[in-house]
Structures are given as C-alpha cells and as structure tokens.
Amino acid sequence: MERYYFFMASPKKQTQSIAKTQAVLAATSQEIPAAAPVVPTPVAPPEKGQSLQEPFSRPEDSPHVPVHQYSGFEFSKIPWGQSLFAKLFGAFLALALLPTIISAVLITAAYQVLLNQYVPEREVEILTSNMQVQFFLIVFFIIILVTFISFVISRGISRPIKLLIMAVQKISDGDLSVHIKINRKDELGNLAHFFNTMVDKLKEIQERNIEISKIKSQFVSVAAHQLRTPLSAVKWTLRLLLDGDVGKMSKEQDDFLERGYQTNERMINLVNDLLDVSRIEEGRFGYNFQEVEIANIIRKAIAEVSIVAAKRNIKINFRQLIPEDLRIVADPERVRTIVINLLDNAVNYSEPGDEVVVTVGEEGDSLKVSIEDNGIGIPDSEFDKVFSRFYRASNAVRLQTDGSGLGLFIVQNIVNRHGGRIWFESKEGQGTSFFFTIPMRREFIKESL
C-alpha cells in the first residue's frame, strides 16, 4: 500500500540551508550576523478519538518523531459527487461492469437456447434455476472485485493530488516548512519531487531575503543614530543664529538661515522616522499606556500642525463629538504621532485655501477619528501599497512634495498595537479621508504586535 506524508524540514537540514544562504550573502557583504537554526512550529497531537486526516512525519533523519495530524488546512470542500475520486471511481466501475453485465445476459440467453434444444423439457426448469444461481454468484463476485480494483486505482490517483492541494494551500499561507513524500515512481511521484524542490528553493530565497532585510535594518539603524547627533547640533546652532544670540543678522541672512533650518528639520524628521521603523521591525517600539483625555491630546497635535497649515493658507477644522473629559487607555505620545502624521499628509497634499476636517467621535466601544481633505487623492491602482514602507503616491511624487513614505507605515503599526484599525477612502483629484479607531477599554489593547 502506498503511503503519503507531510513533513517539516528537520533542524539539521534547515541549518544547512541557512549556511548556504549565508555563503551567498557573504559574496555581497563582508560581515553577516549568524542566523540561528529555524525551529519548526510544533504541531499538537490530535485529541482523543480524533481521526488522522493525513499522515505527518519528519524526514528520514528524524525517525523517532511520532506521527501527528498536520493541522491548519482550510481548503474549500468539494462535494463527493463532484470530486475527482468519485468521477474516476464511477468511470472505472462503469467501464468494468457494463461489459460484464452484457456478457452475462448474452451467455444466459445462449445457454437457454441450448437447453431448450437438447435437454428434455422436464429437466429444463431445474437446469435453468441452477444456471441462474451460478450466474448470479459469478456476477456478484465480479462486481465486488471490480469495485475494489476501481476504488484502489481511483484512490491511488486522487489522494496524492489532494495532498498536493493541501500543501499548496499551506504554502500560500506563508508556511514553507511543509514537504510531501509520495512513495511512487510515476508522474505523480515526479511531481511531488519537483514540488519539494520548488519549496526548498523558495525557502532559500525567503531566508536570504530575511537576512538581507536584517542587514538593511541594521544599516538604517546605525546610520540614523550616527546622523541624528550632528543634525541636532546643526539645528541648535542655526537656532542660536536665528534668535540673534551670537549677533544681529540682516534680513537676507535670516532668510538663508531659516531655509537651512527647515531643511535640517526635515532631515531630523526623516532620521526619526527611520529609527521608528527600525524599532518597529525589531519589536523595540516602546509604549506607555495610561488613562488620558484624548480630546486634549488631539487638540494639541492639531495646534502643532496648524502653524504649517496657516503658512499655506489651509484651515484645519476640528469637530469634537465626544465629552471634553472622556478618558481612554492609550499612549499619548503615539496617539499624537498618529494625528500629526495624518494631518501632515492632509496639509501637504492640499491646495492653498482648502480645508482639512478632523472629526472625533465614538463608534461602539471605540474612539473613531477621521481626517478629511480635498487634496490630490490616491490613484485607485495604488490602494494596496498605501501602508507600505517608503510608499509615496505617484501623483505626490510628480508634485515634488516632501515626504519619506514612512509615516503611514508607522501610523498603521501604532493603531494595530492599540487594538484598533485604520482605513481610508480616496478619489484621485478629489481628496482623501483617513479613519482610525482606538478601543476605549484596556482589555482590547494587544499585548504585542
């Protein structure tokens, strides 16, 4: 009997795979941090009385690992009558039984003619009865044999295909630790072999991308830290000059220094965004949850952005639909970051004379905040990229506006950490509305990202 298996790659093979990946990376980087072996996610054994759907094991170098159910598949169930097994089974059964039944009918008829011609009439009835019993038994055993053979053949074809479907479903969910072992030497066996080869290649690529991503994150973190100190020094030096602490400047000199100060400020904001993204990816983006008066925090954030908005002749309208003393559990500094980032985008991508509307209200057990503008909007084809790192809408890039493309990525992570959700509505050329919610009860806050 053929056996089919799912199995996870062993720690030994995974370590070998990572070693290969590091060898490849060594060609492009002089120093790569050693990667720890990837430990396969353990699969819980089935509960008592639960049947095993498919055998599951590890490869040959781990023969002592017990067989468990490989759980987690959620593929759509096909009605039995429409399944490949049922179709094959029905076809084989029909092709085998139809000739058998026709042959039985013809032989019976011919035998009856011979009896009528050569056997005395008084014995015909007895012989006919015996003949019918014998033919019934023969046909009955033929049907059983044909049914069994059809079942075995159909199952041998359909079960490996079903196994491949389940494995592909698992891989589509992002799990590249699944392998298939089919002990056969036909086309299905070859398909399983090349499927496993494909999974190994994908896993090597994934591991390489993870290592490269780690190297990039480390580089960004180190570079940002090294840049922040001199940029801060330049900022305060320029501030001293602008404030006249080292002597009076002419108006022309003040204008040059102000432009330099604003450029330096944008660089500092970019460095801070890069550091925030690095901390988010490393799980070091700290939070300080406490009870806060949320309306006051949002009002202060609006006041900060209003200075820039006033210079561009853009009005920010604040609609407060909650009590002034409403308190929720949140990190005040992170909530301020959310509002400032969303308001900055709304102001930067609006035309002079436009209005930005900030609305704060309640939605069930959550606080709901919306920020609406009448700016350039977001192209429909780019909706799925909005919360990606370094994403900037193509129409925003054409306008040559300032921005790093990191703000919405940071905002989404902060909202998710608070247990809320964020979404948007936009029409290119007509404006964008961003919405986010934050639960007002502590128990809804996520423990970690």
Protein backbone atom coordinates (compact mmCIF):
# COMPACT_ATOMS: atom_id res chain seq x y z
CA MET A 1 0.00 0.00 0.00
CA GLU A 2 1.37 3.43 -0.95
CA ARG A 3 1.93 5.94 1.84
CA TYR A 4 1.90 9.70 1.61
CA TYR A 5 3.43 12.08 4.13
CA PHE A 6 3.66 15.71 5.06
CA PHE A 7 6.81 16.53 6.96
CA MET A 8 8.60 19.59 8.26
CA ALA A 9 12.22 20.20 7.34
CA SER A 10 14.49 18.96 10.12
CA PRO A 11 16.65 21.40 12.15
CA LYS A 12 19.74 19.81 10.59
CA LYS A 13 18.56 20.48 7.04
CA GLN A 14 17.35 23.95 7.96
CA THR A 15 20.77 24.79 9.42
CA GLN A 16 22.41 23.56 6.21
CA SER A 17 20.02 25.70 4.17
CA ILE A 18 20.81 28.79 6.23
CA ALA A 19 24.53 28.08 5.89
CA LYS A 20 24.09 28.05 2.10
CA THR A 21 22.20 31.34 2.32
CA GLN A 22 24.95 32.94 4.38
CA ALA A 23 27.55 31.76 1.87
CA VAL A 24 25.63 33.52 -0.89
CA LEU A 25 25.27 36.68 1.19
CA ALA A 26 28.97 36.63 2.01
CA ALA A 27 29.66 37.47 -1.62
CA THR A 28 27.84 40.81 -1.22
CA SER A 29 28.55 41.62 2.43
CA GLN A 30 31.73 41.29 4.42
CA GLU A 31 30.03 40.59 7.70
CA ILE A 32 26.72 38.81 8.25
CA PRO A 33 25.36 38.00 11.69
CA ALA A 34 25.00 34.30 12.29
CA ALA A 35 21.45 33.08 11.95
CA ALA A 36 20.02 30.73 14.50
CA PRO A 37 18.52 27.48 13.19
CA VAL A 38 14.86 27.79 12.43
CA VAL A 39 12.89 25.65 14.83
CA PRO A 40 9.80 24.13 13.18
CA THR A 41 6.48 25.13 14.67
CA PRO A 42 5.30 22.18 16.80
CA VAL A 43 2.06 20.56 15.77
CA ALA A 44 -0.21 19.43 18.57
CA PRO A 45 -1.27 15.76 18.53
CA PRO A 46 -4.93 15.05 17.79
CA GLU A 47 -7.36 14.86 20.65
CA LYS A 48 -8.54 11.55 21.92
CA GLY A 49 -10.93 9.98 19.47
CA GLN A 50 -9.95 12.33 16.65
CA SER A 51 -9.03 10.63 13.41
CA LEU A 52 -5.87 11.39 11.50
CA GLN A 53 -6.72 13.01 8.18
CA GLU A 54 -3.27 12.65 6.63
CA PRO A 55 -0.07 11.04 7.97
CA PHE A 56 2.55 13.54 9.10
CA SER A 57 6.17 12.86 9.82
CA ARG A 58 9.64 14.29 9.66
CA PRO A 59 12.26 13.22 7.12
CA GLU A 60 14.35 10.09 7.39
CA ASP A 61 16.96 11.68 9.64
CA SER A 62 14.36 12.09 12.39
CA PRO A 63 12.77 8.64 12.51
CA HIS A 64 11.82 8.76 16.18
CA VAL A 65 9.38 11.67 15.92
CA PRO A 66 5.82 10.41 16.41
CA VAL A 67 3.25 10.81 13.67
CA HIS A 68 0.81 13.68 14.25
CA GLN A 69 -2.04 15.26 12.40
CA TYR A 70 -0.91 18.11 10.18
CA SER A 71 -3.49 20.74 11.10
CA GLY A 72 -4.20 24.18 9.70
CA PHE A 73 -5.61 23.41 6.25
CA GLU A 74 -8.70 25.34 5.28
CA PHE A 75 -9.31 24.45 1.67
CA SER A 76 -12.83 24.52 0.26
CA LYS A 77 -14.52 21.13 0.47
CA ILE A 78 -15.66 19.61 -2.82
CA PRO A 79 -18.92 17.65 -2.79
CA TRP A 80 -18.20 13.93 -3.03
CA GLY A 81 -20.17 13.58 -6.26
CA GLN A 82 -18.01 16.27 -7.92
CA SER A 83 -14.67 15.07 -6.61
CA LEU A 84 -12.00 13.58 -8.84
CA PHE A 85 -12.11 10.35 -6.84
CA ALA A 86 -15.87 9.93 -7.40
CA LYS A 87 -15.53 10.59 -11.12
CA LEU A 88 -12.65 8.15 -11.54
CA PHE A 89 -14.36 5.55 -9.38
CA GLY A 90 -17.61 5.85 -11.34
CA ALA A 91 -15.81 5.70 -14.70
CA PHE A 92 -13.76 2.60 -13.83
CA LEU A 93 -16.81 0.90 -12.33
CA ALA A 94 -18.96 1.59 -15.38
CA LEU A 95 -16.27 0.52 -17.87
CA ALA A 96 -15.74 -2.74 -16.00
CA LEU A 97 -19.35 -3.66 -15.15
CA LEU A 98 -21.01 -2.79 -18.44
CA PRO A 99 -19.19 -5.49 -20.47
CA THR A 100 -19.71 -7.96 -17.61
CA ILE A 101 -23.47 -7.43 -17.50
CA ILE A 102 -23.83 -7.55 -21.29
CA SER A 103 -21.76 -10.75 -21.46
CA ALA A 104 -23.83 -12.34 -18.69
CA VAL A 105 -27.11 -11.55 -20.47
CA LEU A 106 -25.86 -12.93 -23.81
CA ILE A 107 -24.42 -16.11 -22.26
CA THR A 108 -27.64 -16.69 -20.35
CA ALA A 109 -29.70 -16.33 -23.49
CA ALA A 110 -27.45 -18.67 -25.48
CA TYR A 111 -27.47 -21.23 -22.67
CA GLN A 112 -31.26 -21.09 -22.51
CA VAL A 113 -31.48 -21.81 -26.26
CA LEU A 114 -29.20 -24.81 -25.90
CA LEU A 115 -31.24 -26.16 -23.02
CA ASN A 116 -34.47 -25.85 -24.98
CA GLN A 117 -32.97 -27.69 -27.97
CA TYR A 118 -31.04 -30.53 -26.37
CA VAL A 119 -32.43 -31.11 -22.88
CA PRO A 120 -35.72 -32.89 -22.14
CA GLU A 121 -38.49 -30.48 -21.18
CA ARG A 122 -38.93 -31.88 -17.68
CA GLU A 123 -35.26 -31.10 -16.81
CA VAL A 124 -35.09 -27.65 -18.39
CA GLU A 125 -36.68 -25.89 -15.41
CA ILE A 126 -34.23 -27.44 -12.91
CA LEU A 127 -31.16 -26.67 -15.03
CA THR A 128 -32.39 -23.11 -15.71
CA SER A 129 -32.78 -22.46 -11.97
CA ASN A 130 -29.26 -23.79 -11.27
CA MET A 131 -27.85 -21.74 -14.12
CA GLN A 132 -29.42 -18.53 -12.77
CA VAL A 133 -27.97 -19.10 -9.29
CA GLN A 134 -24.49 -19.78 -10.68
CA PHE A 135 -24.55 -16.73 -12.93
CA PHE A 136 -25.79 -14.55 -10.06
CA LEU A 137 -22.89 -15.68 -7.84
CA ILE A 138 -20.37 -15.17 -10.65
CA VAL A 139 -21.65 -11.68 -11.45
CA PHE A 140 -21.81 -10.80 -7.74
CA PHE A 141 -18.16 -11.72 -7.16
CA ILE A 142 -17.11 -9.92 -10.36
CA ILE A 143 -18.90 -6.76 -9.16
CA ILE A 144 -17.11 -6.93 -5.78
CA LEU A 145 -13.74 -7.46 -7.47
CA VAL A 146 -14.30 -4.67 -9.99
CA THR A 147 -15.48 -2.30 -7.25
CA PHE A 148 -12.39 -2.98 -5.14
CA ILE A 149 -9.99 -2.56 -8.07
CA SER A 150 -11.73 0.67 -9.15
CA PHE A 151 -11.53 2.03 -5.59
CA VAL A 152 -7.81 1.26 -5.29
CA ILE A 153 -6.95 2.80 -8.68
CA SER A 154 -9.08 5.90 -8.10
CA ARG A 155 -7.69 6.44 -4.64
CA GLY A 156 -4.13 5.99 -5.87
CA ILE A 157 -4.64 8.79 -8.40
CA SER A 158 -6.77 11.27 -6.42
CA ARG A 159 -5.16 11.08 -2.97
CA PRO A 160 -1.70 12.40 -3.99
CA ILE A 161 -3.40 15.23 -5.89
CA LYS A 162 -5.45 16.09 -2.80
CA LEU A 163 -2.26 16.04 -0.76
CA LEU A 164 -0.61 18.46 -3.20
CA ILE A 165 -3.61 20.79 -2.99
CA MET A 166 -3.38 20.82 0.80
CA ALA A 167 0.36 21.53 0.68
CA VAL A 168 -0.09 24.36 -1.83
CA GLN A 169 -2.76 25.83 0.45
CA LYS A 170 -0.30 25.74 3.35
CA ILE A 171 2.44 27.37 1.27
CA SER A 172 0.05 30.08 0.07
CA ASP A 173 -0.45 30.92 3.76
CA GLY A 174 3.29 31.55 4.04
CA ASP A 175 4.44 28.26 5.60
CA LEU A 176 7.42 26.94 3.62
CA SER A 177 8.24 24.17 6.10
CA VAL A 178 5.85 21.65 4.52
CA HIS A 179 7.16 18.84 2.33
CA ILE A 180 5.39 15.96 0.62
CA LYS A 181 6.68 12.40 0.47
CA ILE A 182 4.98 10.12 -2.06
CA ASN A 183 6.49 6.67 -2.42
CA ARG A 184 5.82 6.08 -6.10
CA LYS A 185 7.92 6.22 -9.26
CA ASP A 186 5.35 7.50 -11.75
CA GLU A 187 4.42 11.01 -12.86
CA LEU A 188 2.81 11.86 -9.50
CA GLY A 189 6.00 10.86 -7.72
CA ASN A 190 7.99 13.12 -10.02
CA LEU A 191 5.52 15.93 -9.41
CA ALA A 192 5.95 15.57 -5.63
CA HIS A 193 9.74 15.54 -6.02
CA PHE A 194 9.80 18.74 -8.06
CA PHE A 195 7.24 20.30 -5.71
CA ASN A 196 9.58 19.70 -2.76
CA THR A 197 12.49 21.09 -4.79
CA MET A 198 10.46 24.22 -5.52
CA VAL A 199 9.62 24.64 -1.82
CA ASP A 200 13.31 24.31 -0.89
CA LYS A 201 14.24 26.98 -3.44
CA LEU A 202 11.50 29.30 -2.18
CA LYS A 203 12.67 28.74 1.38
CA GLU A 204 16.27 29.58 0.47
CA ILE A 205 15.09 32.77 -1.23
CA GLN A 206 12.94 33.66 1.77
CA GLU A 207 15.83 33.08 4.19
CA ARG A 208 18.13 35.14 2.01
CA ASN A 209 15.62 37.99 1.87
CA ILE A 210 15.22 37.86 5.65
CA GLU A 211 18.97 38.08 6.15
CA ILE A 212 19.25 40.94 3.65
CA SER A 213 16.36 42.71 5.37
CA LYS A 214 18.11 42.36 8.73
CA ILE A 215 21.32 43.79 7.27
CA LYS A 216 19.40 46.71 5.79
CA SER A 217 17.60 47.35 9.08
CA GLN A 218 20.89 47.30 10.98
CA PHE A 219 22.46 49.67 8.49
CA VAL A 220 19.49 52.06 8.67
CA SER A 221 19.54 51.97 12.48
CA VAL A 222 23.29 52.65 12.72
CA ALA A 223 23.21 55.35 10.03
CA ALA A 224 20.22 57.09 11.61
CA HIS A 225 21.85 57.09 15.05
CA GLN A 226 25.08 58.50 13.61
CA LEU A 227 23.21 61.20 11.70
CA ARG A 228 20.94 62.36 14.50
CA THR A 229 23.69 63.80 16.74
CA PRO A 230 25.33 66.10 14.15
CA LEU A 231 21.96 67.14 12.76
CA SER A 232 20.79 68.12 16.24
CA ALA A 233 23.97 70.14 16.72
CA VAL A 234 23.40 71.93 13.40
CA LYS A 235 19.78 72.59 14.39
CA TRP A 236 20.63 74.33 17.64
CA THR A 237 23.49 76.25 16.05
CA LEU A 238 21.12 77.61 13.42
CA ARG A 239 18.55 78.35 16.11
CA LEU A 240 21.11 80.42 18.05
CA LEU A 241 21.91 82.37 14.91
CA LEU A 242 18.24 82.94 14.09
CA ASP A 243 17.46 84.08 17.64
CA GLY A 244 20.30 86.60 17.49
CA ASP A 245 22.20 85.08 20.40
CA VAL A 246 25.53 85.45 18.55
CA GLY A 247 24.81 88.79 16.97
CA LYS A 248 22.23 90.51 14.83
CA MET A 249 21.71 89.21 11.29
CA SER A 250 20.41 91.01 8.23
CA LYS A 251 17.01 90.01 6.81
CA GLU A 252 18.68 88.28 3.87
CA GLN A 253 20.90 86.30 6.21
CA ASP A 254 17.89 85.38 8.33
CA ASP A 255 16.06 84.08 5.24
CA PHE A 256 19.01 81.86 4.25
CA LEU A 257 19.37 80.56 7.79
CA GLU A 258 15.61 79.88 8.05
CA ARG A 259 15.68 77.81 4.85
CA GLY A 260 18.67 75.91 6.17
CA TYR A 261 16.91 75.38 9.49
CA GLN A 262 13.77 73.99 7.81
CA THR A 263 15.83 71.67 5.62
CA ASN A 264 17.71 70.44 8.68
CA GLU A 265 14.38 69.92 10.47
CA ARG A 266 13.13 67.74 7.60
CA MET A 267 16.31 65.66 7.78
CA ILE A 268 15.84 65.19 11.53
CA ASN A 269 12.23 64.07 10.96
CA LEU A 270 13.40 61.59 8.31
CA VAL A 271 16.04 60.19 10.68
CA ASN A 272 13.45 59.86 13.45
CA ASP A 273 11.08 58.03 11.07
CA LEU A 274 13.86 55.64 10.06
CA LEU A 275 14.64 54.93 13.71
CA ASP A 276 10.94 54.34 14.46
CA VAL A 277 10.65 51.86 11.55
CA SER A 278 13.79 50.08 12.73
CA ARG A 279 12.39 49.81 16.27
CA ILE A 280 9.04 48.53 14.97
CA GLU A 281 10.73 45.80 12.93
CA GLU A 282 12.89 44.78 15.88
CA GLY A 283 9.98 44.87 18.36
CA ARG A 284 11.56 47.69 20.39
CA PHE A 285 8.97 50.38 19.67
CA GLY A 286 8.01 51.09 23.28
CA TYR A 287 4.55 52.09 24.52
CA ASN A 288 3.39 53.76 27.70
CA PHE A 289 -0.32 53.06 28.07
CA GLN A 290 -2.21 55.21 30.54
CA GLU A 291 -5.55 56.90 31.02
CA VAL A 292 -5.58 60.12 29.02
CA GLU A 293 -8.03 62.83 28.00
CA ILE A 294 -7.99 62.05 24.33
CA ALA A 295 -9.65 65.27 23.13
CA ASN A 296 -6.86 67.35 24.68
CA ILE A 297 -4.13 65.25 23.03
CA ILE A 298 -5.73 65.57 19.59
CA ARG A 299 -6.26 69.31 20.04
CA LYS A 300 -2.56 69.82 20.90
CA ALA A 301 -1.48 67.78 17.85
CA ILE A 302 -3.73 69.93 15.64
CA ALA A 303 -2.20 73.07 17.13
CA GLU A 304 1.31 71.86 16.14
CA VAL A 305 0.32 71.28 12.51
CA SER A 306 -1.78 74.45 12.34
CA ILE A 307 1.39 76.59 12.19
CA VAL A 308 2.49 74.93 8.93
CA ALA A 309 -1.10 74.87 7.62
CA ALA A 310 -1.50 78.63 8.23
CA LYS A 311 1.62 79.35 6.17
CA ARG A 312 -0.02 77.51 3.26
CA ASN A 313 -3.39 79.21 3.84
CA ILE A 314 -5.05 75.89 4.78
CA LYS A 315 -7.64 75.84 7.53
CA ILE A 316 -7.96 72.91 9.97
CA ASN A 317 -11.49 72.48 11.30
CA PHE A 318 -11.85 70.39 14.48
CA ARG A 319 -15.22 68.73 15.13
CA GLN A 320 -15.39 67.28 18.64
CA LEU A 321 -18.31 64.87 19.15
CA ILE A 322 -17.10 63.46 22.48
CA PRO A 323 -17.14 64.90 26.01
CA GLU A 324 -14.14 67.04 26.90
CA ASP A 325 -13.28 64.82 29.87
CA LEU A 326 -13.57 61.47 28.02
CA ARG A 327 -10.65 59.31 29.12
CA ILE A 328 -9.33 56.25 27.29
CA VAL A 329 -6.32 53.98 27.76
CA ALA A 330 -3.66 54.89 25.20
CA ASP A 331 -0.09 56.03 24.75
CA PRO A 332 -0.42 59.83 24.47
CA GLU A 333 2.83 60.30 22.55
CA ARG A 334 1.95 57.60 20.00
CA VAL A 335 -1.57 58.98 19.51
CA ARG A 336 -0.01 62.38 18.90
CA THR A 337 2.24 60.76 16.27
CA ILE A 338 -0.81 59.26 14.52
CA VAL A 339 -2.67 62.56 14.32
CA ILE A 340 0.38 64.63 13.29
CA ASN A 341 1.38 62.20 10.51
CA LEU A 342 -2.13 62.04 9.08
CA LEU A 343 -2.59 65.82 9.35
CA ASP A 344 0.81 66.47 7.75
CA ASN A 345 -0.23 64.40 4.74
CA ALA A 346 -3.59 66.17 4.51
CA VAL A 347 -1.96 69.62 4.64
CA ASN A 348 0.94 68.79 2.31
CA TYR A 349 -1.31 67.36 -0.40
CA SER A 350 -3.99 70.08 -0.26
CA GLU A 351 -4.14 73.28 -2.27
CA PRO A 352 -3.90 76.74 -0.64
CA GLY A 353 -7.35 77.82 0.53
CA ASP A 354 -8.53 74.24 1.14
CA GLU A 355 -9.94 72.97 4.43
CA VAL A 356 -8.94 69.88 6.42
CA VAL A 357 -11.61 68.48 8.75
CA VAL A 358 -10.71 66.47 11.86
CA THR A 359 -13.67 64.67 13.48
CA VAL A 360 -13.52 62.82 16.80
CA GLY A 361 -16.47 60.69 17.86
CA GLU A 362 -17.47 57.32 19.27
CA GLU A 363 -18.21 54.08 17.43
CA GLY A 364 -19.43 51.36 19.77
CA ASP A 365 -16.71 50.70 22.36
CA SER A 366 -14.09 52.57 20.32
CA LEU A 367 -12.98 56.11 19.69
CA LYS A 368 -13.21 56.99 15.98
CA VAL A 369 -11.12 59.74 14.39
CA SER A 370 -11.39 60.88 10.78
CA ILE A 371 -9.15 63.32 8.89
CA GLU A 372 -10.58 64.51 5.57
CA ASP A 373 -9.03 66.70 2.89
CA ASN A 374 -9.83 67.85 -0.64
CA GLY A 375 -6.31 67.30 -1.95
CA ILE A 376 -4.79 65.30 -4.77
CA GLY A 377 -6.16 61.93 -3.62
CA ILE A 378 -4.64 58.48 -4.19
CA PRO A 379 -4.79 56.57 -7.51
CA ASP A 380 -7.07 53.52 -7.33
CA SER A 381 -4.32 51.23 -8.62
CA GLU A 382 -2.10 52.08 -5.62
CA PHE A 383 -4.56 51.48 -2.77
CA ASP A 384 -2.88 48.23 -1.71
CA LYS A 385 0.51 49.98 -1.29
CA VAL A 386 -0.62 52.86 0.91
CA PHE A 387 0.63 51.40 4.22
CA SER A 388 3.88 50.01 2.79
CA ARG A 389 7.27 51.34 3.79
CA PHE A 390 8.67 54.13 1.60
CA TYR A 391 5.46 54.31 -0.42
CA ARG A 392 4.53 57.64 -1.96
CA ALA A 393 1.65 58.04 -4.39
CA SER A 394 2.75 58.62 -7.98
CA ASN A 395 0.83 61.89 -8.22
CA ALA A 396 2.51 63.10 -4.98
CA VAL A 397 5.94 62.31 -6.40
CA ARG A 398 5.14 64.32 -9.54
CA LEU A 399 4.31 67.34 -7.36
CA GLN A 400 7.77 67.02 -5.73
CA THR A 401 6.32 67.38 -2.25
CA ASP A 402 8.33 66.49 0.86
CA GLY A 403 7.88 63.07 2.44
CA SER A 404 9.70 59.86 3.27
CA GLY A 405 6.86 57.38 2.68
CA LEU A 406 7.23 56.02 6.22
CA GLY A 407 4.51 57.91 8.07
CA LEU A 408 1.54 55.69 7.20
CA PHE A 409 3.56 52.53 7.91
CA ILE A 410 4.32 53.86 11.41
CA VAL A 411 0.72 55.01 11.92
CA GLN A 412 -0.70 51.60 10.98
CA ASN A 413 1.60 49.83 13.44
CA ILE A 414 0.68 52.20 16.27
CA VAL A 415 -3.05 51.79 15.60
CA ASN A 416 -2.72 47.99 15.46
CA ARG A 417 -0.77 47.97 18.73
CA HIS A 418 -3.62 49.88 20.36
CA GLY A 419 -6.03 47.18 19.19
CA GLY A 420 -7.72 49.48 16.66
CA ARG A 421 -7.94 49.57 12.91
CA ILE A 422 -7.18 52.11 10.19
CA TRP A 423 -8.62 52.52 6.70
CA PHE A 424 -9.15 55.21 4.09
CA GLU A 425 -11.36 56.38 1.25
CA SER A 426 -9.92 58.31 -1.64
CA LYS A 427 -10.65 59.58 -5.12
CA GLU A 428 -7.81 60.88 -7.23
CA GLY A 429 -8.13 64.61 -7.70
CA GLN A 430 -10.95 64.92 -5.13
CA GLY A 431 -9.34 64.18 -1.79
CA THR A 432 -8.73 61.51 0.83
CA SER A 433 -10.33 60.58 4.15
CA PHE A 434 -8.40 58.55 6.71
CA PHE A 435 -10.20 56.85 9.59
CA PHE A 436 -8.84 55.08 12.64
CA THR A 437 -10.32 53.63 15.79
CA ILE A 438 -8.86 53.04 19.25
CA PRO A 439 -10.67 50.84 21.82
CA MET A 440 -11.73 52.77 24.92
CA ARG A 441 -11.27 49.74 27.19
CA ARG A 442 -7.89 48.40 28.27
CA GLU A 443 -8.75 44.72 27.64
CA PHE A 444 -8.92 45.33 23.87
CA ILE A 445 -5.33 46.55 23.68
CA LYS A 446 -2.99 44.00 22.12
CA GLU A 447 -0.13 42.69 24.21
CA SER A 448 2.27 42.94 21.29
CA LEU A 449 2.33 43.31 17.55
